[in-house]
Amino acid sequence: MAFLFSTADPEITLEAESTEQISFQVEIPQDSRARTKDVGVTMIIKGKILPDTESAGNAADSTAKLMEWSIVPAEKKEAYRSVKVQVTSGGITTRQYELPNAFIVDYFEDFTDAEGVGQFTLKIKQMKNKLSGVKVTGGFQ
């Protein structure tokens, strides 16, 4: 299984080997007794922080760019980005998610001396007034 995460404007692409887990959630208030307008879309992406190996001819680790995005103030247009995530298994894309106006809710980095590799957790949400732009596709061949 491989995950490809990318944003536009400016571009951030996470290496497939660094992304380990993707969760896509449609959130509806738990106290609702009927379909509600208060729906939210959240994605949680977890993975490894890779060593920066750009000088060895490999791609540099992109998680530092995620951290930079996470501290952009809400009033700046750069806080909102188009996000695309592809889930691939056996060379076939099984699911593709597109969030046209996503923003970071939480970003965590954890390091331990036991593993020698850092872990990141990225939580993004789609702007509620732009939910109609969210696309989830599957059934690729």
C-alpha atoms as a PDB file:
ATOM      1  CA  MET A   1       0.000   0.000   0.000  1.00  0.00           C
ATOM      2  CA  ALA A   2       1.312   3.460  -0.862  1.00  0.00           C
ATOM      3  CA  PHE A   3      -0.029   6.940  -0.178  1.00  0.00           C
ATOM      4  CA  LEU A   4       0.756  10.058  -2.175  1.00  0.00           C
ATOM      5  CA  PHE A   5       0.008  13.384  -0.513  1.00  0.00           C
ATOM      6  CA  SER A   6       0.381  16.673  -2.366  1.00  0.00           C
ATOM      7  CA  THR A   7      -0.738  20.272  -2.088  1.00  0.00           C
ATOM      8  CA  ALA A   8      -0.826  23.077  -4.560  1.00  0.00           C
ATOM      9  CA  ASP A   9       0.153  26.710  -4.261  1.00  0.00           C
ATOM     10  CA  PRO A  10       2.921  26.308  -3.095  1.00  0.00           C
ATOM     11  CA  GLU A  11       3.474  22.637  -3.738  1.00  0.00           C
ATOM     12  CA  ILE A  12       4.243  20.124  -1.000  1.00  0.00           C
ATOM     13  CA  THR A  13       4.613  16.478  -1.941  1.00  0.00           C
ATOM     14  CA  LEU A  14       5.248  13.835   0.697  1.00  0.00           C
ATOM     15  CA  GLU A  15       7.373  10.919  -0.374  1.00  0.00           C
ATOM     16  CA  ALA A  16       5.449   7.640  -0.624  1.00  0.00           C
ATOM     17  CA  GLU A  17       7.905   5.960   1.756  1.00  0.00           C
ATOM     18  CA  SER A  18       7.247   8.559   4.462  1.00  0.00           C
ATOM     19  CA  THR A  19       3.428   8.391   4.493  1.00  0.00           C
ATOM     20  CA  GLU A  20       2.161   5.425   6.512  1.00  0.00           C
ATOM     21  CA  GLN A  21      -1.517   6.014   7.319  1.00  0.00           C
ATOM     22  CA  ILE A  22      -4.426   8.056   5.964  1.00  0.00           C
ATOM     23  CA  SER A  23      -7.811   8.543   7.667  1.00  0.00           C
ATOM     24  CA  PHE A  24     -10.710  10.283   5.943  1.00  0.00           C
ATOM     25  CA  GLN A  25     -13.619  11.294   8.147  1.00  0.00           C
ATOM     26  CA  VAL A  26     -17.002  12.866   7.525  1.00  0.00           C
ATOM     27  CA  GLU A  27     -18.014  14.398  10.821  1.00  0.00           C
ATOM     28  CA  ILE A  28     -21.629  14.854  11.864  1.00  0.00           C
ATOM     29  CA  PRO A  29     -22.515  16.149  15.333  1.00  0.00           C
ATOM     30  CA  GLN A  30     -23.240  13.246  17.677  1.00  0.00           C
ATOM     31  CA  ASP A  31     -26.278  14.966  19.179  1.00  0.00           C
ATOM     32  CA  SER A  32     -28.024  15.267  15.810  1.00  0.00           C
ATOM     33  CA  ARG A  33     -31.324  13.381  15.408  1.00  0.00           C
ATOM     34  CA  ALA A  34     -31.595  14.098  11.688  1.00  0.00           C
ATOM     35  CA  ARG A  35     -29.367  14.998   8.791  1.00  0.00           C
ATOM     36  CA  THR A  36     -27.700  18.294   9.606  1.00  0.00           C
ATOM     37  CA  LYS A  37     -25.989  21.101   7.726  1.00  0.00           C
ATOM     38  CA  ASP A  38     -23.153  21.041  10.266  1.00  0.00           C
ATOM     39  CA  VAL A  39     -20.996  18.482   8.440  1.00  0.00           C
ATOM     40  CA  GLY A  40     -17.213  18.547   8.405  1.00  0.00           C
ATOM     41  CA  VAL A  41     -14.520  16.716   6.451  1.00  0.00           C
ATOM     42  CA  THR A  42     -11.226  15.840   8.134  1.00  0.00           C
ATOM     43  CA  MET A  43      -8.130  13.938   7.028  1.00  0.00           C
ATOM     44  CA  ILE A  44      -5.410  12.644   9.308  1.00  0.00           C
ATOM     45  CA  ILE A  45      -2.086  11.709   7.715  1.00  0.00           C
ATOM     46  CA  LYS A  46       0.614   9.931   9.722  1.00  0.00           C
ATOM     47  CA  GLY A  47       4.106   8.964   8.713  1.00  0.00           C
ATOM     48  CA  LYS A  48       7.865   9.059   9.162  1.00  0.00           C
ATOM     49  CA  ILE A  49      10.143  12.067   9.077  1.00  0.00           C
ATOM     50  CA  LEU A  50      12.879  10.990   6.707  1.00  0.00           C
ATOM     51  CA  PRO A  51      16.479  12.172   6.919  1.00  0.00           C
ATOM     52  CA  ASP A  52      17.225  15.049   4.565  1.00  0.00           C
ATOM     53  CA  THR A  53      19.140  13.271   1.804  1.00  0.00           C
ATOM     54  CA  GLU A  54      18.872  15.867  -0.948  1.00  0.00           C
ATOM     55  CA  SER A  55      22.650  16.068  -1.223  1.00  0.00           C
ATOM     56  CA  ALA A  56      22.825  12.321  -1.972  1.00  0.00           C
ATOM     57  CA  GLY A  57      20.646  12.773  -5.065  1.00  0.00           C
ATOM     58  CA  ASN A  58      17.404  11.791  -3.331  1.00  0.00           C
ATOM     59  CA  ALA A  59      14.461  14.030  -2.555  1.00  0.00           C
ATOM     60  CA  ALA A  60      14.598  16.189   0.549  1.00  0.00           C
ATOM     61  CA  ASP A  61      12.133  15.431   3.346  1.00  0.00           C
ATOM     62  CA  SER A  62       8.981  17.531   2.844  1.00  0.00           C
ATOM     63  CA  THR A  63       7.611  17.364   6.375  1.00  0.00           C
ATOM     64  CA  ALA A  64       9.412  20.614   7.277  1.00  0.00           C
ATOM     65  CA  LYS A  65       7.195  22.330   4.689  1.00  0.00           C
ATOM     66  CA  LEU A  66       4.133  20.926   6.490  1.00  0.00           C
ATOM     67  CA  MET A  67       5.317  22.522   9.720  1.00  0.00           C
ATOM     68  CA  GLU A  68       5.799  25.844   7.916  1.00  0.00           C
ATOM     69  CA  TRP A  69       2.251  25.603   6.486  1.00  0.00           C
ATOM     70  CA  SER A  70       0.863  24.819   9.952  1.00  0.00           C
ATOM     71  CA  ILE A  71       1.963  28.193  11.356  1.00  0.00           C
ATOM     72  CA  VAL A  72       0.517  30.377   8.574  1.00  0.00           C
ATOM     73  CA  PRO A  73      -2.112  32.687  10.130  1.00  0.00           C
ATOM     74  CA  ALA A  74      -5.755  32.044   9.185  1.00  0.00           C
ATOM     75  CA  GLU A  75      -6.190  35.475   7.595  1.00  0.00           C
ATOM     76  CA  LYS A  76      -3.566  34.720   4.919  1.00  0.00           C
ATOM     77  CA  LYS A  77      -4.679  32.970   1.749  1.00  0.00           C
ATOM     78  CA  GLU A  78      -1.638  30.641   2.012  1.00  0.00           C
ATOM     79  CA  ALA A  79      -3.306  28.960   5.021  1.00  0.00           C
ATOM     80  CA  TYR A  80      -5.758  27.281   2.629  1.00  0.00           C
ATOM     81  CA  ARG A  81      -4.534  24.858  -0.010  1.00  0.00           C
ATOM     82  CA  SER A  82      -5.798  22.334  -2.474  1.00  0.00           C
ATOM     83  CA  VAL A  83      -4.883  18.866  -1.185  1.00  0.00           C
ATOM     84  CA  LYS A  84      -4.851  15.619  -3.146  1.00  0.00           C
ATOM     85  CA  VAL A  85      -4.257  12.175  -1.631  1.00  0.00           C
ATOM     86  CA  GLN A  86      -3.993   8.954  -3.620  1.00  0.00           C
ATOM     87  CA  VAL A  87      -4.158   5.496  -2.055  1.00  0.00           C
ATOM     88  CA  THR A  88      -2.460   2.880  -4.217  1.00  0.00           C
ATOM     89  CA  SER A  89      -2.296  -0.879  -3.742  1.00  0.00           C
ATOM     90  CA  GLY A  90      -0.504  -3.209  -6.136  1.00  0.00           C
ATOM     91  CA  GLY A  91       0.062  -0.358  -8.559  1.00  0.00           C
ATOM     92  CA  ILE A  92      -3.672   0.424  -8.751  1.00  0.00           C
ATOM     93  CA  THR A  93      -5.185   3.570  -7.267  1.00  0.00           C
ATOM     94  CA  THR A  94      -8.023   2.428  -5.010  1.00  0.00           C
ATOM     95  CA  ARG A  95      -9.092   5.822  -3.716  1.00  0.00           C
ATOM     96  CA  GLN A  96      -8.379   9.459  -4.486  1.00  0.00           C
ATOM     97  CA  TYR A  97      -9.347  12.332  -2.176  1.00  0.00           C
ATOM     98  CA  GLU A  98      -9.392  15.991  -3.174  1.00  0.00           C
ATOM     99  CA  LEU A  99      -9.970  18.815  -0.704  1.00  0.00           C
ATOM    100  CA  PRO A 100      -9.900  22.134  -2.587  1.00  0.00           C
ATOM    101  CA  ASN A 101      -9.698  24.465   0.450  1.00  0.00           C
ATOM    102  CA  ALA A 102      -7.964  22.571   3.239  1.00  0.00           C
ATOM    103  CA  PHE A 103      -6.284  24.035   6.296  1.00  0.00           C
ATOM    104  CA  ILE A 104      -4.191  22.507   9.068  1.00  0.00           C
ATOM    105  CA  VAL A 105      -5.933  21.944  12.386  1.00  0.00           C
ATOM    106  CA  ASP A 106      -3.022  20.167  14.131  1.00  0.00           C
ATOM    107  CA  TYR A 107       0.521  19.188  13.251  1.00  0.00           C
ATOM    108  CA  PHE A 108       2.722  17.088  15.546  1.00  0.00           C
ATOM    109  CA  GLU A 109       6.278  15.809  15.303  1.00  0.00           C
ATOM    110  CA  ASP A 110       7.580  13.170  17.706  1.00  0.00           C
ATOM    111  CA  PHE A 111      11.149  11.916  18.020  1.00  0.00           C
ATOM    112  CA  THR A 112      12.473   9.083  20.170  1.00  0.00           C
ATOM    113  CA  ASP A 113      15.993   7.794  20.568  1.00  0.00           C
ATOM    114  CA  ALA A 114      14.761   4.182  20.356  1.00  0.00           C
ATOM    115  CA  GLU A 115      13.796   4.281  16.671  1.00  0.00           C
ATOM    116  CA  GLY A 116      16.039   7.031  15.336  1.00  0.00           C
ATOM    117  CA  VAL A 117      13.265   8.219  13.012  1.00  0.00           C
ATOM    118  CA  GLY A 118      10.735  10.942  13.751  1.00  0.00           C
ATOM    119  CA  GLN A 119       6.984  10.538  13.319  1.00  0.00           C
ATOM    120  CA  PHE A 120       4.539  13.194  12.139  1.00  0.00           C
ATOM    121  CA  THR A 121       0.775  13.553  12.403  1.00  0.00           C
ATOM    122  CA  LEU A 122      -1.057  16.041  10.197  1.00  0.00           C
ATOM    123  CA  LYS A 123      -4.731  16.845  10.711  1.00  0.00           C
ATOM    124  CA  ILE A 124      -6.402  18.903   7.995  1.00  0.00           C
ATOM    125  CA  LYS A 125      -9.990  20.039   7.471  1.00  0.00           C
ATOM    126  CA  GLN A 126     -11.914  21.294   4.489  1.00  0.00           C
ATOM    127  CA  MET A 127     -13.536  24.748   4.787  1.00  0.00           C
ATOM    128  CA  LYS A 128     -17.205  24.122   5.649  1.00  0.00           C
ATOM    129  CA  ASN A 129     -18.523  26.634   3.138  1.00  0.00           C
ATOM    130  CA  LYS A 130     -16.628  24.802   0.351  1.00  0.00           C
ATOM    131  CA  LEU A 131     -17.683  21.200   1.127  1.00  0.00           C
ATOM    132  CA  SER A 132     -19.302  20.815  -2.288  1.00  0.00           C
ATOM    133  CA  GLY A 133     -15.799  20.863  -3.807  1.00  0.00           C
ATOM    134  CA  VAL A 134     -14.623  17.735  -1.942  1.00  0.00           C
ATOM    135  CA  LYS A 135     -14.155  14.776  -4.306  1.00  0.00           C
ATOM    136  CA  VAL A 136     -13.707  11.144  -3.359  1.00  0.00           C
ATOM    137  CA  THR A 137     -13.234   8.790  -6.294  1.00  0.00           C
ATOM    138  CA  GLY A 138     -12.516   5.096  -6.546  1.00  0.00           C
ATOM    139  CA  GLY A 139     -12.968   2.107  -8.813  1.00  0.00           C
ATOM    140  CA  PHE A 140      -9.832   2.814 -10.813  1.00  0.00           C
ATOM    141  CA  GLN A 141      -8.484   0.074 -13.063  1.00  0.00           C
END
